[in-house]
């Protein structure tokens, strides 16, 4: 599984991470069956059924001591 960096805010009151945007930084897993990897084996014209499983590498931009508004 490749890791995609997401930048966002962390709310310490409820331990909630709110992702704001993806930075474009990616750690490639090198797996031929991973759809987001550079080592993916299928040509672009072929219909691919490989799973798109990407994990997030979270980077905190702002930290708040309160709860997230959705957590009340």
C-alpha atoms as a PDB file:
ATOM      1  CA  UNK A   1       0.000   0.000   0.000  1.00  0.00           C
ATOM      2  CA  UNK A   2       1.348   3.376  -0.989  1.00  0.00           C
ATOM      3  CA  UNK A   3       1.263   6.219   1.522  1.00  0.00           C
ATOM      4  CA  UNK A   4      -0.103   9.594   0.469  1.00  0.00           C
ATOM      5  CA  UNK A   5       0.659  12.599   2.664  1.00  0.00           C
ATOM      6  CA  UNK A   6      -2.363  14.563   3.859  1.00  0.00           C
ATOM      7  CA  UNK A   7      -2.004  17.863   5.668  1.00  0.00           C
ATOM      8  CA  UNK A   8      -4.596  18.950   8.187  1.00  0.00           C
ATOM      9  CA  UNK A   9      -5.611  20.089  11.638  1.00  0.00           C
ATOM     10  CA  UNK A  10      -5.505  18.086  14.859  1.00  0.00           C
ATOM     11  CA  UNK A  11      -8.036  18.728  17.631  1.00  0.00           C
ATOM     12  CA  UNK A  12      -6.666  17.539  20.970  1.00  0.00           C
ATOM     13  CA  UNK A  13     -10.034  17.844  22.742  1.00  0.00           C
ATOM     14  CA  UNK A  14     -11.478  14.913  20.793  1.00  0.00           C
ATOM     15  CA  UNK A  15      -8.325  13.508  19.133  1.00  0.00           C
ATOM     16  CA  UNK A  16      -9.828  14.236  15.709  1.00  0.00           C
ATOM     17  CA  UNK A  17      -7.658  14.788  12.637  1.00  0.00           C
ATOM     18  CA  UNK A  18      -9.331  16.889   9.947  1.00  0.00           C
ATOM     19  CA  UNK A  19      -7.491  16.496   6.639  1.00  0.00           C
ATOM     20  CA  UNK A  20      -7.448  19.653   4.542  1.00  0.00           C
ATOM     21  CA  UNK A  21      -5.539  18.661   1.397  1.00  0.00           C
ATOM     22  CA  UNK A  22      -3.137  16.137  -0.073  1.00  0.00           C
ATOM     23  CA  UNK A  23       0.370  17.503  -0.560  1.00  0.00           C
ATOM     24  CA  UNK A  24       1.164  15.317  -3.565  1.00  0.00           C
ATOM     25  CA  UNK A  25       3.965  13.564  -1.664  1.00  0.00           C
ATOM     26  CA  UNK A  26       3.758   9.804  -2.013  1.00  0.00           C
ATOM     27  CA  UNK A  27       5.769   6.906  -0.632  1.00  0.00           C
ATOM     28  CA  UNK A  28       5.678   4.181  -3.251  1.00  0.00           C
ATOM     29  CA  UNK A  29       5.256   0.624  -1.961  1.00  0.00           C
ATOM     30  CA  UNK A  30       6.695  -0.904  -5.132  1.00  0.00           C
ATOM     31  CA  UNK A  31       3.977  -3.552  -5.356  1.00  0.00           C
ATOM     32  CA  UNK A  32       2.933  -4.676  -8.863  1.00  0.00           C
ATOM     33  CA  UNK A  33      -0.655  -5.184  -7.641  1.00  0.00           C
ATOM     34  CA  UNK A  34      -1.037  -1.699  -6.119  1.00  0.00           C
ATOM     35  CA  UNK A  35      -2.956   0.649  -8.406  1.00  0.00           C
ATOM     36  CA  UNK A  36      -1.155   3.800  -7.220  1.00  0.00           C
ATOM     37  CA  UNK A  37       2.377   2.329  -7.393  1.00  0.00           C
ATOM     38  CA  UNK A  38       4.872   3.118 -10.138  1.00  0.00           C
ATOM     39  CA  UNK A  39       5.525  -0.647 -10.325  1.00  0.00           C
ATOM     40  CA  UNK A  40       1.909  -1.381 -11.319  1.00  0.00           C
ATOM     41  CA  UNK A  41       2.014  -4.105 -14.008  1.00  0.00           C
ATOM     42  CA  UNK A  42      -1.011  -3.398 -16.219  1.00  0.00           C
ATOM     43  CA  UNK A  43      -0.784  -1.224 -19.328  1.00  0.00           C
ATOM     44  CA  UNK A  44      -2.961   1.917 -19.149  1.00  0.00           C
ATOM     45  CA  UNK A  45      -5.357   0.673 -21.854  1.00  0.00           C
ATOM     46  CA  UNK A  46      -6.305  -2.490 -19.944  1.00  0.00           C
ATOM     47  CA  UNK A  47      -9.226  -2.459 -17.513  1.00  0.00           C
ATOM     48  CA  UNK A  48      -7.620  -2.854 -14.102  1.00  0.00           C
ATOM     49  CA  UNK A  49      -9.288  -4.550 -11.162  1.00  0.00           C
ATOM     50  CA  UNK A  50      -6.438  -4.024  -8.709  1.00  0.00           C
ATOM     51  CA  UNK A  51      -7.621  -2.429  -5.457  1.00  0.00           C
ATOM     52  CA  UNK A  52      -6.973   1.251  -4.885  1.00  0.00           C
ATOM     53  CA  UNK A  53      -5.815   0.976  -1.298  1.00  0.00           C
ATOM     54  CA  UNK A  54      -3.824   4.023  -0.265  1.00  0.00           C
ATOM     55  CA  UNK A  55      -2.988   4.817   3.308  1.00  0.00           C
ATOM     56  CA  UNK A  56      -2.685   8.338   4.635  1.00  0.00           C
ATOM     57  CA  UNK A  57       0.452   9.678   6.236  1.00  0.00           C
ATOM     58  CA  UNK A  58      -0.961  12.487   8.334  1.00  0.00           C
ATOM     59  CA  UNK A  59       0.958  15.727   8.850  1.00  0.00           C
ATOM     60  CA  UNK A  60      -0.400  18.199  11.374  1.00  0.00           C
ATOM     61  CA  UNK A  61      -0.381  21.807  10.216  1.00  0.00           C
ATOM     62  CA  UNK A  62      -2.428  23.333  13.051  1.00  0.00           C
ATOM     63  CA  UNK A  63      -3.130  21.937  16.504  1.00  0.00           C
ATOM     64  CA  UNK A  64      -6.145  23.068  18.484  1.00  0.00           C
ATOM     65  CA  UNK A  65      -6.765  22.385  22.163  1.00  0.00           C
ATOM     66  CA  UNK A  66     -10.548  22.301  21.644  1.00  0.00           C
ATOM     67  CA  UNK A  67     -12.896  19.702  20.157  1.00  0.00           C
ATOM     68  CA  UNK A  68     -13.665  19.608  16.431  1.00  0.00           C
ATOM     69  CA  UNK A  69     -16.961  21.431  15.674  1.00  0.00           C
ATOM     70  CA  UNK A  70     -18.569  18.171  14.469  1.00  0.00           C
ATOM     71  CA  UNK A  71     -17.736  16.506  17.801  1.00  0.00           C
ATOM     72  CA  UNK A  72     -19.539  19.192  19.769  1.00  0.00           C
END
